[in-house]
Structure formats: structure tokens, C-alpha cells
Amino acid sequence: MHRFKFLFFIAIIGLTPVFLSGQGFQNIVIEAVDDLCFGRQSEGTDAEAELIMDQMMAQMQLKRPFKIRKCPSIGNAYATIQPDENNKQQAYILYDPIWLKEMANASKTDWASIGVLAHEVGHILSYHALDKKGSNPRWEIDADRFAGSRLAMMGSTLEEAQSMFKNYTQLEDSRTHPGRDKRLEAVKTGWMSVNNPVKRVILNENTAERDVSPELIVNRYFESLGGFKALSQIKQINFKETFSETKGEDLNQTPIKYTYDYEQTVNKLSIIDRASETEYLIKNDTLFYKYTDQDSWKIGAPRLGTSFDQDPYMFKNQIQPSTKNFFDDFLLVSNPEVTYYKGRRRIADEECFLLEMPEEKIEIGNLNKKGKRIVLTKQYYFSTYTGRLYGIIEREQILNFKKGKIKNPKTIETKKIISDYEMIDDLYFPKEITITETDLINDVAQGEKRYQQRSISEFILETEVK
């Protein structure tokens, strides 16, 4: 994105910062958003500002899982998470436009304002909202490092990236925030990760264990696919995925076969099932469907027959492609510290570096009436030989609630093995994938396993959304 667009963004919503001693992550899930404005009603941002933020997130190849609202007189900027009208947790960035304007005037640069927003985005995208314990120095350093890398990608100089702390008055560490020198160094570390990517350690299967880090694993992964710069130009991918599905251990059974057409961007996924003449749309994690001869979309999953309602969450997982994490994984480049390195492991006879993602919690519906909580853990296995992603293991612990009590808890474990990649326009993409899905109760397999062989073809890469 060109810099003049960011200046236009600043002009629209009055962003420009001063003293950041209060800046940090807040996680208050009980109060309404307006209560955080000290009794004053929060205000929506301008439509133009929303558009510019979406463009900025698209430039970063990330979804925007939060909303932005003005919060006059708070003298600060916050990342927070609140329940919406459906009791679903919704992330927000709240800001005082006058405070941000004073900050930019004091620092004499517009980059300071952009840095404040990038810092708050870093809190949300680094899963800090999931812990529900408020701010701490380590989280602030993580968000500062994230902001430094993002400003570097947007074209700032190091001095411009650090301008967000030019008038930061806190010199020593506190219980919630680090001192000024540590914050400036964190911004520099993030900025240098983009502008000085040369590493002293070369990662391969022979690298000493003490030298292996999430950053090296992630950087090697993107290089093995063709390079982050080339991959980050992709805004949309179109492809077909053919499924061959069996259940149980009978090797003589005839598999069920079907094909979906996919159109995948940062913010949405379009799916066409030509066999049933049904189209699906997943946007902002919400599922819609319609039949190809219809114009209007319906929310949720289609019924089976005339009476059986399908679970939208489970159905959505079933129809998503093997590449569903393609755009989300760009977050790892600027913030690999969000993962935990768990050593070397073998999966399907391949030696891999194992990275574990933070635990995620998803709540659907009202748990005091009828709803569910999903606790998701995810492990990424990167081949020590090629550097490419070889396997993913996901565990979804599903707790169904009725009148506040847990009913029929179970865990679904999904193992994905990417056995072959294909080169498309000098970039590598998964081609052959094997998926095994197992139901677990108390970590013991229950029922028959489900197997899928998937094959991806007819890739079309777009550098802008069609």
C-alpha cells in the first residue's frame, strides 16, 4: 500500500499519538464497550477508515478479526474483547482520536499513529486476548516487535518506526509495562527482522538443537515455498480439490469421491459443490449457503432431508480446503514467538521440527442456555530436510452446554500429512494430502476412523482480488 493512503487514513480518523505510558492490552469481558469510555457512548469509525484498515490488513496478508471504535476522553488506545449480542467473543480496538492526534504532533511523524494501531493489532493477533489476565511486560514487548516488523513492511525507516515511543516517559519496568529502552529495542528487533533477514545460523537437519528457534523454522519454511516476498503478493487463489473418503479399516470398500471448487482470499472462502449444485461462503467465520439456481444466501448449513439440522461449525470444518491456513500463517513471519518450539518429532516416518500454536477457545451460543465451547490446539510439523510444512495435528475439544451444564463432551483429532507439493508460478503449493480424523473420549479412540485422500489441481494465483 502506498504511503499516501496511510496519511489519508490518519486524516480521516484523527490518528496521531503522544505519551504512551498507559498504552497496553486490556481484557475486560464483562463490561460493555461503552462502559470503557467512562460513560460516554463509543463511536464507529468512518466508512473510509474501515476501508483503509481492511486494505492495510490485506497488505499484511491477514484477516481483520476485530472492530474499530472511537472512544473519546480515554486518553489511550486499547485492545479489548467483549461479548456481542450473540454472546460470542468479539475483539475491538478502541482509541481516543484527540490523544492520538496529540501524539503525532509531539512526535512530528504520522508513523507514530500507525505504530500505535499496529501495536494493538499485535496484541489481538498474538492471542493475548485468550489469556484474560490483562497486560504484562512480555506481551508488550511482543506487540512492540510486531509493530516494528509491520511498519518495516509498510516502508518506514527505523527512526520512523521508533517514533511511537519518542515521548514515552516510563524509563523503568513496571508490573504491566517495560521501560522505554526495552520497548525501543523491541521495535528495532521487529524492524530488523524485515530489513536484515541474514541469520548466522543455517537451519537444516544437522543444526544443533540449541540453535533451533521458531523464527528460523518459519523463515526457512517460507523460503522453501519460494520466498515470503513472492508469496505475499498473492491476494487470491483458485483451485479444485478432489476428495476420496473412507471409514474404518476395510481396505476393499469403495471410497466416496467428490470435488469442490474453491476461491480463497484473506477475508472469505467461496466453495462450489457442483454435484449437489450448492454454493457455500465463509466470511468472518460465518457460514452461508445457497443453491446455484438461487440469488439469496441463507445463514448456516443446509438441512439433510427435511428435518435434520447440521451443526454449522462442524459442517464448515468438513468443507474447508487443505489450504485453509494459507493466509493466516503469514502472521508467523512477523511474530514467530507466538509459537512454542517442541523439539524434533517423527510423523509418518518424516523427521520434523515441531511448533505448537497457542490454545484457542471458541464459544458459540449462550452457554447458560444452549451453546458450545471449542478448545483448539494445533501442532505444525516442518520437515528437517526440506523445510516445508509436512504435517498438522489439530485437536478440538468440544463441550456442549445445555442450561449451563456440559453434555456429551468429545475430542476430534485431525492429522494432515502433505505428501507432495507442486510448483505453480515458481512457488510450491500442497498437491497430495492425507487426512485422518479420530473421535476421542478421554484420549481413547472411539468408533471408526475417517480417512481422506485429497488432491489439489488447477491452481490459479491472483495478485489482486477479482
Protein backbone atom coordinates (compact mmCIF):
# COMPACT_ATOMS: atom_id res chain seq x y z
CA MET A 1 0.00 0.00 0.00
CA HIS A 2 1.32 3.45 -0.86
CA ARG A 3 2.19 5.76 2.00
CA PHE A 4 -0.28 8.46 0.91
CA LYS A 5 -3.09 6.03 1.70
CA PHE A 6 -1.88 5.77 5.27
CA LEU A 7 -1.71 9.55 5.54
CA PHE A 8 -5.31 9.62 4.27
CA PHE A 9 -6.19 7.11 6.98
CA ILE A 10 -4.64 9.36 9.62
CA ALA A 11 -6.54 12.36 8.32
CA ILE A 12 -9.85 10.52 8.37
CA ILE A 13 -9.84 9.31 11.94
CA GLY A 14 -7.54 11.88 13.52
CA LEU A 15 -4.81 9.42 14.48
CA THR A 16 -1.56 10.84 15.78
CA PRO A 17 -0.01 9.84 19.42
CA VAL A 18 1.89 11.48 22.47
CA PHE A 19 2.54 9.79 25.80
CA LEU A 20 2.26 6.01 25.76
CA SER A 21 2.70 5.28 29.44
CA GLY A 22 -0.84 3.89 29.55
CA GLN A 23 -0.81 2.10 26.22
CA GLY A 24 -1.34 -1.63 26.56
CA PHE A 25 -3.66 -4.55 26.31
CA GLN A 26 -6.86 -4.61 28.31
CA ASN A 27 -9.08 -7.67 28.54
CA ILE A 28 -12.39 -6.85 30.20
CA VAL A 29 -15.08 -9.23 29.02
CA ILE A 30 -17.84 -8.37 31.50
CA GLU A 31 -18.38 -4.67 30.77
CA ALA A 32 -19.91 -3.40 27.56
CA VAL A 33 -17.69 -1.48 25.14
CA ASP A 34 -19.37 1.82 26.01
CA ASP A 35 -18.55 1.31 29.69
CA LEU A 36 -14.87 1.50 28.77
CA CYS A 37 -15.46 5.06 27.53
CA PHE A 38 -16.19 6.25 31.08
CA GLY A 39 -19.90 6.56 30.48
CA ARG A 40 -19.63 8.20 27.06
CA GLN A 41 -21.01 6.42 24.05
CA SER A 42 -18.41 4.90 21.76
CA GLU A 43 -18.49 5.96 18.12
CA GLY A 44 -17.99 3.98 14.93
CA THR A 45 -15.15 4.93 12.63
CA ASP A 46 -15.80 6.43 9.22
CA ALA A 47 -16.51 4.08 6.33
CA GLU A 48 -13.34 5.31 4.64
CA ALA A 49 -11.31 4.47 7.73
CA GLU A 50 -12.75 0.95 7.81
CA LEU A 51 -11.80 0.53 4.16
CA ILE A 52 -8.25 1.73 4.73
CA MET A 53 -7.84 -0.61 7.72
CA ASP A 54 -9.05 -3.52 5.61
CA GLN A 55 -6.56 -2.54 2.91
CA MET A 56 -3.80 -2.37 5.49
CA MET A 57 -4.68 -5.83 6.83
CA ALA A 58 -4.84 -7.19 3.28
CA GLN A 59 -1.38 -5.74 2.62
CA MET A 60 -0.23 -7.67 5.69
CA GLN A 61 -1.97 -10.78 4.30
CA LEU A 62 -4.03 -11.10 7.49
CA LYS A 63 -7.71 -11.26 8.29
CA ARG A 64 -9.19 -8.47 10.42
CA PRO A 65 -10.73 -10.31 13.40
CA PHE A 66 -11.57 -7.10 15.26
CA LYS A 67 -13.72 -3.99 15.07
CA ILE A 68 -12.57 -0.38 15.49
CA ARG A 69 -14.38 2.24 17.55
CA LYS A 70 -13.65 5.77 18.70
CA CYS A 71 -13.68 6.19 22.46
CA PRO A 72 -13.35 9.93 23.30
CA SER A 73 -11.66 11.06 26.52
CA ILE A 74 -9.95 7.76 27.42
CA GLY A 75 -6.54 9.29 26.64
CA ASN A 76 -5.28 5.98 25.33
CA ALA A 77 -5.66 3.12 22.86
CA TYR A 78 -6.78 -0.35 23.92
CA ALA A 79 -7.23 -3.81 22.52
CA THR A 80 -10.13 -5.49 24.28
CA ILE A 81 -12.52 -8.39 23.85
CA GLN A 82 -16.25 -8.20 24.58
CA PRO A 83 -19.26 -10.50 24.14
CA ASP A 84 -21.52 -9.41 21.27
CA GLU A 85 -25.31 -9.67 21.09
CA ASN A 86 -24.99 -13.43 20.46
CA ASN A 87 -22.63 -13.83 23.42
CA LYS A 88 -19.78 -14.51 21.00
CA GLN A 89 -16.42 -13.02 21.95
CA GLN A 90 -15.60 -10.04 19.70
CA ALA A 91 -12.24 -8.23 19.63
CA TYR A 92 -12.13 -4.42 19.48
CA ILE A 93 -9.52 -1.72 19.14
CA LEU A 94 -10.67 1.42 20.97
CA TYR A 95 -8.85 4.73 20.58
CA ASP A 96 -9.12 8.33 21.66
CA PRO A 97 -8.75 10.35 18.42
CA ILE A 98 -7.63 13.52 20.22
CA TRP A 99 -4.97 11.64 22.19
CA LEU A 100 -3.62 10.07 19.02
CA LYS A 101 -3.57 13.42 17.26
CA GLU A 102 -1.57 14.96 20.11
CA MET A 103 0.83 12.02 19.96
CA ALA A 104 1.57 12.54 16.28
CA ASN A 105 2.02 16.27 16.79
CA ALA A 106 4.53 15.61 19.56
CA SER A 107 6.47 13.02 17.57
CA LYS A 108 6.21 15.04 14.32
CA THR A 109 5.55 11.91 12.27
CA ASP A 110 2.46 10.07 11.08
CA TRP A 111 4.21 6.73 11.56
CA ALA A 112 3.76 7.07 15.32
CA SER A 113 -0.02 6.82 14.89
CA ILE A 114 0.20 3.83 12.59
CA GLY A 115 2.56 2.20 15.09
CA VAL A 116 0.03 2.53 17.91
CA LEU A 117 -2.61 0.73 15.85
CA ALA A 118 -0.11 -1.93 14.75
CA HIS A 119 0.82 -2.47 18.41
CA GLU A 120 -2.81 -3.08 19.37
CA VAL A 121 -3.32 -5.34 16.34
CA GLY A 122 -0.28 -7.28 17.55
CA HIS A 123 -1.97 -7.93 20.90
CA ILE A 124 -5.03 -9.39 19.20
CA LEU A 125 -3.19 -11.45 16.59
CA SER A 126 -0.72 -12.76 19.17
CA TYR A 127 -3.55 -14.42 21.12
CA HIS A 128 -3.03 -12.22 24.18
CA ALA A 129 -6.82 -11.82 24.39
CA LEU A 130 -7.16 -15.52 25.15
CA ASP A 131 -5.37 -15.43 28.49
CA LYS A 132 -7.79 -12.99 30.20
CA LYS A 133 -5.20 -11.73 32.71
CA GLY A 134 -4.57 -8.18 31.47
CA SER A 135 -1.25 -6.79 30.29
CA ASN A 136 2.32 -7.74 31.21
CA PRO A 137 5.81 -6.68 30.01
CA ARG A 138 6.35 -9.78 27.84
CA TRP A 139 3.13 -9.15 25.91
CA GLU A 140 4.03 -5.50 25.43
CA ILE A 141 7.43 -6.48 24.02
CA ASP A 142 5.74 -8.99 21.67
CA ALA A 143 3.31 -6.32 20.42
CA ASP A 144 6.14 -3.77 20.02
CA ARG A 145 8.15 -6.26 17.98
CA PHE A 146 5.08 -6.98 15.85
CA ALA A 147 4.54 -3.24 15.25
CA GLY A 148 8.19 -2.79 14.25
CA SER A 149 8.00 -5.55 11.65
CA ARG A 150 4.71 -4.26 10.24
CA LEU A 151 5.93 -0.69 9.92
CA ALA A 152 9.05 -2.00 8.16
CA MET A 153 6.84 -3.87 5.67
CA MET A 154 4.90 -0.65 5.09
CA GLY A 155 8.12 1.21 4.22
CA SER A 156 9.07 3.11 7.39
CA THR A 157 12.64 3.86 8.42
CA LEU A 158 13.83 2.57 11.78
CA GLU A 159 13.60 6.08 13.22
CA GLU A 160 10.02 6.42 11.96
CA ALA A 161 9.08 3.04 13.43
CA GLN A 162 10.51 4.01 16.82
CA SER A 163 8.79 7.42 16.78
CA MET A 164 5.79 5.89 18.58
CA PHE A 165 7.96 5.92 21.72
CA LYS A 166 9.65 9.29 21.19
CA ASN A 167 7.69 10.82 24.08
CA TYR A 168 7.26 7.67 26.16
CA THR A 169 8.01 8.76 29.73
CA GLN A 170 8.33 5.43 31.57
CA LEU A 171 12.04 4.65 31.91
CA GLU A 172 11.92 1.64 34.24
CA ASP A 173 9.91 -1.58 34.07
CA SER A 174 6.57 -1.74 35.86
CA ARG A 175 4.33 -4.69 36.67
CA THR A 176 2.43 -4.26 33.40
CA HIS A 177 4.79 -2.40 31.03
CA PRO A 178 8.52 -2.47 30.17
CA GLY A 179 10.76 0.60 30.27
CA ARG A 180 11.45 2.88 27.29
CA ASP A 181 14.80 1.36 26.21
CA LYS A 182 13.38 -2.16 26.10
CA ARG A 183 10.42 -1.02 24.01
CA LEU A 184 12.63 0.83 21.53
CA GLU A 185 14.83 -2.27 21.25
CA ALA A 186 11.77 -4.47 20.63
CA VAL A 187 10.60 -2.20 17.79
CA LYS A 188 14.13 -2.34 16.35
CA THR A 189 14.17 -6.15 16.56
CA GLY A 190 10.89 -6.35 14.65
CA TRP A 191 12.04 -3.80 12.09
CA MET A 192 15.40 -5.56 11.58
CA SER A 193 13.68 -8.92 11.06
CA VAL A 194 12.35 -7.47 7.78
CA ASN A 195 15.28 -5.30 6.72
CA ASN A 196 18.15 -7.50 7.87
CA PRO A 197 16.98 -11.10 7.41
CA VAL A 198 20.50 -12.65 7.25
CA LYS A 199 20.84 -15.18 10.06
CA ARG A 200 24.10 -16.50 11.45
CA VAL A 201 22.57 -19.95 11.98
CA ILE A 202 21.71 -22.02 8.91
CA LEU A 203 18.85 -24.36 9.73
CA ASN A 204 18.85 -27.92 8.41
CA GLU A 205 18.61 -31.47 9.74
CA ASN A 206 22.12 -31.17 11.23
CA THR A 207 21.63 -27.91 13.13
CA ALA A 208 22.39 -28.21 16.84
CA GLU A 209 19.23 -28.32 18.94
CA ARG A 210 20.32 -25.30 21.00
CA ASP A 211 20.34 -23.17 17.82
CA VAL A 212 16.86 -24.09 16.57
CA SER A 213 14.21 -21.38 17.04
CA PRO A 214 10.67 -20.70 15.79
CA GLU A 215 11.98 -17.76 13.76
CA LEU A 216 14.48 -19.91 11.86
CA ILE A 217 11.87 -22.62 11.23
CA VAL A 218 9.28 -20.15 9.91
CA ASN A 219 11.77 -18.23 7.73
CA ARG A 220 13.09 -21.45 6.22
CA TYR A 221 9.53 -22.64 5.54
CA PHE A 222 8.59 -19.56 3.51
CA GLU A 223 11.89 -19.66 1.66
CA SER A 224 11.27 -23.33 0.79
CA LEU A 225 7.95 -22.35 -0.83
CA GLY A 226 9.51 -19.65 -2.99
CA GLY A 227 10.11 -16.70 -0.67
CA PHE A 228 7.92 -14.51 1.50
CA LYS A 229 8.04 -11.55 -0.89
CA ALA A 230 6.60 -13.56 -3.80
CA LEU A 231 4.03 -15.33 -1.61
CA SER A 232 2.85 -12.08 -0.03
CA GLN A 233 1.88 -10.74 -3.46
CA ILE A 234 -0.86 -13.38 -3.71
CA LYS A 235 -4.28 -11.98 -2.83
CA GLN A 236 -6.48 -14.81 -4.13
CA ILE A 237 -6.05 -18.48 -5.01
CA ASN A 238 -8.49 -20.52 -7.11
CA PHE A 239 -8.27 -24.30 -7.30
CA LYS A 240 -10.11 -27.62 -7.28
CA GLU A 241 -9.78 -30.19 -4.52
CA THR A 242 -10.82 -33.79 -5.09
CA PHE A 243 -11.78 -35.91 -2.06
CA SER A 244 -11.68 -39.69 -1.75
CA GLU A 245 -13.18 -40.69 1.59
CA THR A 246 -13.42 -44.00 3.50
CA LYS A 247 -14.32 -45.01 7.03
CA GLY A 248 -12.92 -47.84 9.11
CA GLU A 249 -10.24 -50.42 8.30
CA ASP A 250 -11.93 -52.25 5.41
CA LEU A 251 -9.43 -51.92 2.55
CA ASN A 252 -11.90 -53.27 -0.02
CA GLN A 253 -14.59 -50.64 0.45
CA THR A 254 -15.42 -48.29 -2.40
CA PRO A 255 -14.48 -44.71 -1.43
CA ILE A 256 -16.89 -41.80 -1.72
CA LYS A 257 -15.50 -39.31 -4.23
CA TYR A 258 -16.39 -35.66 -4.78
CA THR A 259 -14.80 -32.37 -5.90
CA TYR A 260 -15.13 -28.80 -4.65
CA ASP A 261 -14.16 -25.60 -6.47
CA TYR A 262 -12.52 -23.05 -4.16
CA GLU A 263 -11.88 -19.32 -4.32
CA GLN A 264 -9.84 -18.24 -1.30
CA THR A 265 -8.86 -14.72 -0.17
CA VAL A 266 -7.75 -13.17 3.11
CA ASN A 267 -11.29 -12.44 4.28
CA LYS A 268 -13.51 -15.02 2.63
CA LEU A 269 -13.74 -18.51 1.18
CA SER A 270 -16.13 -19.37 -1.65
CA ILE A 271 -16.97 -23.03 -2.33
CA ILE A 272 -18.95 -24.68 -5.12
CA ASP A 273 -20.17 -28.27 -4.87
CA ARG A 274 -21.26 -28.97 -8.43
CA ALA A 275 -22.64 -32.43 -7.61
CA SER A 276 -25.31 -31.02 -5.27
CA GLU A 277 -25.43 -27.66 -7.10
CA THR A 278 -24.75 -25.86 -3.82
CA GLU A 279 -22.57 -22.84 -3.13
CA TYR A 280 -21.06 -22.01 0.25
CA LEU A 281 -19.50 -18.82 1.57
CA ILE A 282 -17.43 -18.47 4.75
CA LYS A 283 -16.92 -14.83 5.68
CA ASN A 284 -15.73 -13.61 9.08
CA ASP A 285 -16.10 -17.22 10.29
CA THR A 286 -19.82 -17.21 9.43
CA LEU A 287 -21.18 -19.88 7.07
CA PHE A 288 -23.71 -19.12 4.32
CA TYR A 289 -25.16 -21.32 1.59
CA LYS A 290 -27.42 -21.16 -1.44
CA TYR A 291 -28.31 -23.39 -4.36
CA THR A 292 -26.84 -22.41 -7.72
CA ASP A 293 -30.25 -21.50 -9.15
CA GLN A 294 -30.95 -19.09 -6.26
CA ASP A 295 -29.86 -15.49 -5.70
CA SER A 296 -30.18 -15.08 -1.93
CA TRP A 297 -27.87 -16.58 0.69
CA LYS A 298 -29.04 -18.36 3.84
CA ILE A 299 -27.01 -18.41 7.04
CA GLY A 300 -25.82 -21.72 8.48
CA ALA A 301 -25.57 -25.20 6.94
CA PRO A 302 -28.20 -26.79 4.66
CA ARG A 303 -30.52 -29.38 6.15
CA LEU A 304 -30.21 -33.07 5.46
CA GLY A 305 -33.57 -34.16 4.11
CA THR A 306 -36.49 -32.19 5.52
CA SER A 307 -35.80 -32.25 9.23
CA PHE A 308 -32.18 -32.89 10.22
CA ASP A 309 -30.24 -29.71 11.06
CA GLN A 310 -26.50 -29.91 10.55
CA ASP A 311 -24.10 -28.27 13.01
CA PRO A 312 -22.73 -25.17 11.16
CA TYR A 313 -19.38 -25.31 12.95
CA MET A 314 -18.79 -29.00 12.17
CA PHE A 315 -20.08 -28.65 8.62
CA LYS A 316 -17.82 -25.66 7.98
CA ASN A 317 -14.80 -27.71 9.05
CA GLN A 318 -15.81 -30.53 6.68
CA ILE A 319 -15.95 -28.34 3.57
CA GLN A 320 -12.84 -26.22 4.13
CA PRO A 321 -9.83 -26.88 1.88
CA SER A 322 -6.41 -28.21 2.80
CA THR A 323 -5.05 -24.68 2.24
CA LYS A 324 -7.40 -23.07 4.78
CA ASN A 325 -4.47 -21.68 6.84
CA PHE A 326 -2.59 -20.21 3.87
CA PHE A 327 -3.25 -16.53 4.62
CA ASP A 328 -3.39 -16.90 8.41
CA ASP A 329 0.11 -18.37 8.53
CA PHE A 330 1.65 -15.10 7.31
CA LEU A 331 1.34 -13.95 10.93
CA LEU A 332 4.18 -16.33 11.80
CA VAL A 333 6.68 -14.34 9.73
CA SER A 334 6.48 -11.19 11.84
CA ASN A 335 5.70 -12.87 15.14
CA PRO A 336 7.13 -16.42 15.30
CA GLU A 337 7.39 -16.08 19.09
CA VAL A 338 3.66 -16.77 19.26
CA THR A 339 4.58 -20.45 18.76
CA TYR A 340 6.45 -22.84 21.03
CA TYR A 341 9.30 -25.00 19.71
CA LYS A 342 8.78 -28.55 20.99
CA GLY A 343 11.84 -30.26 19.54
CA ARG A 344 12.16 -32.81 16.76
CA ARG A 345 9.47 -35.41 16.21
CA ARG A 346 8.70 -38.08 13.64
CA ILE A 347 5.35 -38.06 11.91
CA ALA A 348 4.57 -40.53 9.11
CA ASP A 349 8.27 -41.53 9.11
CA GLU A 350 9.44 -37.95 8.45
CA GLU A 351 11.72 -36.15 10.91
CA CYS A 352 10.27 -32.71 11.63
CA PHE A 353 10.70 -29.59 13.73
CA LEU A 354 7.54 -29.27 15.85
CA LEU A 355 5.94 -25.87 16.51
CA GLU A 356 2.92 -25.69 18.78
CA MET A 357 0.38 -22.88 18.48
CA PRO A 358 -1.32 -21.27 21.50
CA GLU A 359 -4.57 -22.81 22.66
CA GLU A 360 -7.67 -21.15 21.19
CA LYS A 361 -11.13 -21.02 22.73
CA ILE A 362 -14.29 -20.51 20.70
CA GLU A 363 -17.71 -20.04 22.24
CA ILE A 364 -20.91 -20.45 20.22
CA GLY A 365 -24.35 -19.54 21.53
CA ASN A 366 -25.24 -18.94 25.17
CA LEU A 367 -23.59 -21.46 27.48
CA ASN A 368 -26.19 -20.81 30.17
CA LYS A 369 -28.94 -21.85 27.76
CA LYS A 370 -27.67 -23.80 24.78
CA GLY A 371 -24.25 -23.47 23.22
CA LYS A 372 -20.81 -25.00 22.90
CA ARG A 373 -17.20 -24.25 23.73
CA ILE A 374 -14.41 -25.47 21.48
CA VAL A 375 -10.84 -25.63 22.77
CA LEU A 376 -8.48 -25.92 19.81
CA THR A 377 -4.82 -26.95 19.90
CA LYS A 378 -2.67 -27.14 16.78
CA GLN A 379 0.78 -28.55 16.06
CA TYR A 380 2.80 -27.82 12.90
CA TYR A 381 5.45 -30.29 11.72
CA PHE A 382 8.14 -28.88 9.38
CA SER A 383 10.44 -31.33 7.61
CA THR A 384 14.03 -31.03 8.86
CA TYR A 385 15.18 -31.99 5.33
CA THR A 386 13.10 -29.71 3.07
CA GLY A 387 11.87 -27.06 5.50
CA ARG A 388 8.32 -27.39 4.15
CA LEU A 389 5.24 -28.00 6.23
CA TYR A 390 4.79 -31.77 6.29
CA GLY A 391 2.06 -32.36 8.86
CA ILE A 392 -0.56 -30.67 11.04
CA ILE A 393 -2.29 -32.23 14.04
CA GLU A 394 -5.35 -30.45 15.38
CA ARG A 395 -7.33 -31.35 18.47
CA GLU A 396 -10.76 -29.88 19.03
CA GLN A 397 -12.23 -30.47 22.46
CA ILE A 398 -15.96 -29.87 22.04
CA LEU A 399 -18.05 -29.15 25.12
CA ASN A 400 -21.79 -28.91 24.51
CA PHE A 401 -23.72 -26.88 27.09
CA LYS A 402 -27.39 -27.12 27.99
CA LYS A 403 -28.71 -24.95 30.81
CA GLY A 404 -25.14 -24.30 31.93
CA LYS A 405 -24.20 -27.99 32.17
CA ILE A 406 -21.79 -29.89 29.92
CA LYS A 407 -23.38 -32.57 27.75
CA ASN A 408 -21.62 -35.23 25.63
CA PRO A 409 -18.06 -33.86 25.62
CA LYS A 410 -15.72 -35.27 23.00
CA THR A 411 -12.47 -34.53 21.22
CA ILE A 412 -11.80 -34.74 17.48
CA GLU A 413 -8.19 -35.28 16.43
CA THR A 414 -7.35 -34.48 12.81
CA LYS A 415 -3.97 -35.47 11.35
CA LYS A 416 -2.98 -33.96 7.99
CA ILE A 417 0.05 -35.20 6.03
CA ILE A 418 1.20 -33.24 2.96
CA SER A 419 2.99 -35.88 0.93
CA ASP A 420 3.60 -33.88 -2.24
CA TYR A 421 3.94 -30.28 -3.38
CA GLU A 422 3.50 -28.81 -6.87
CA MET A 423 5.26 -25.79 -8.34
CA ILE A 424 2.88 -23.06 -9.56
CA ASP A 425 4.44 -19.89 -10.98
CA ASP A 426 7.76 -20.66 -9.23
CA LEU A 427 6.01 -21.23 -5.90
CA TYR A 428 5.28 -24.52 -4.15
CA PHE A 429 1.76 -25.45 -3.01
CA PRO A 430 0.37 -28.66 -1.45
CA LYS A 431 -0.79 -31.19 -4.04
CA GLU A 432 -1.42 -34.55 -2.31
CA ILE A 433 -2.78 -34.66 1.24
CA THR A 434 -3.83 -37.49 3.53
CA ILE A 435 -6.20 -36.71 6.41
CA THR A 436 -7.11 -38.99 9.30
CA GLU A 437 -9.91 -37.98 11.68
CA THR A 438 -10.45 -39.75 15.00
CA ASP A 439 -13.06 -39.26 17.74
CA LEU A 440 -11.53 -39.41 21.22
CA ILE A 441 -13.10 -39.74 24.64
CA ASN A 442 -10.58 -39.37 27.49
CA ASP A 443 -7.83 -39.69 24.83
CA VAL A 444 -9.11 -43.14 23.79
CA ALA A 445 -10.24 -43.65 20.18
CA GLN A 446 -13.98 -44.22 19.84
CA GLY A 447 -15.72 -45.53 16.75
CA GLU A 448 -14.19 -45.86 13.30
CA LYS A 449 -11.54 -43.55 11.93
CA ARG A 450 -12.31 -41.49 8.85
CA TYR A 451 -9.75 -41.25 6.06
CA GLN A 452 -9.45 -38.81 3.19
CA GLN A 453 -7.10 -38.68 0.24
CA ARG A 454 -7.11 -35.19 -1.23
CA SER A 455 -5.66 -33.96 -4.48
CA ILE A 456 -5.42 -30.27 -5.43
CA SER A 457 -5.36 -29.17 -9.07
CA GLU A 458 -6.00 -26.27 -11.46
CA PHE A 459 -4.31 -23.66 -9.28
CA ILE A 460 -4.73 -20.04 -10.39
CA LEU A 461 -2.86 -17.38 -8.41
CA GLU A 462 -4.10 -13.78 -8.40
CA THR A 463 -2.13 -10.76 -7.18
CA GLU A 464 -5.35 -8.82 -6.64
CA VAL A 465 -8.82 -9.90 -5.56
CA LYS A 466 -11.14 -10.49 -8.52
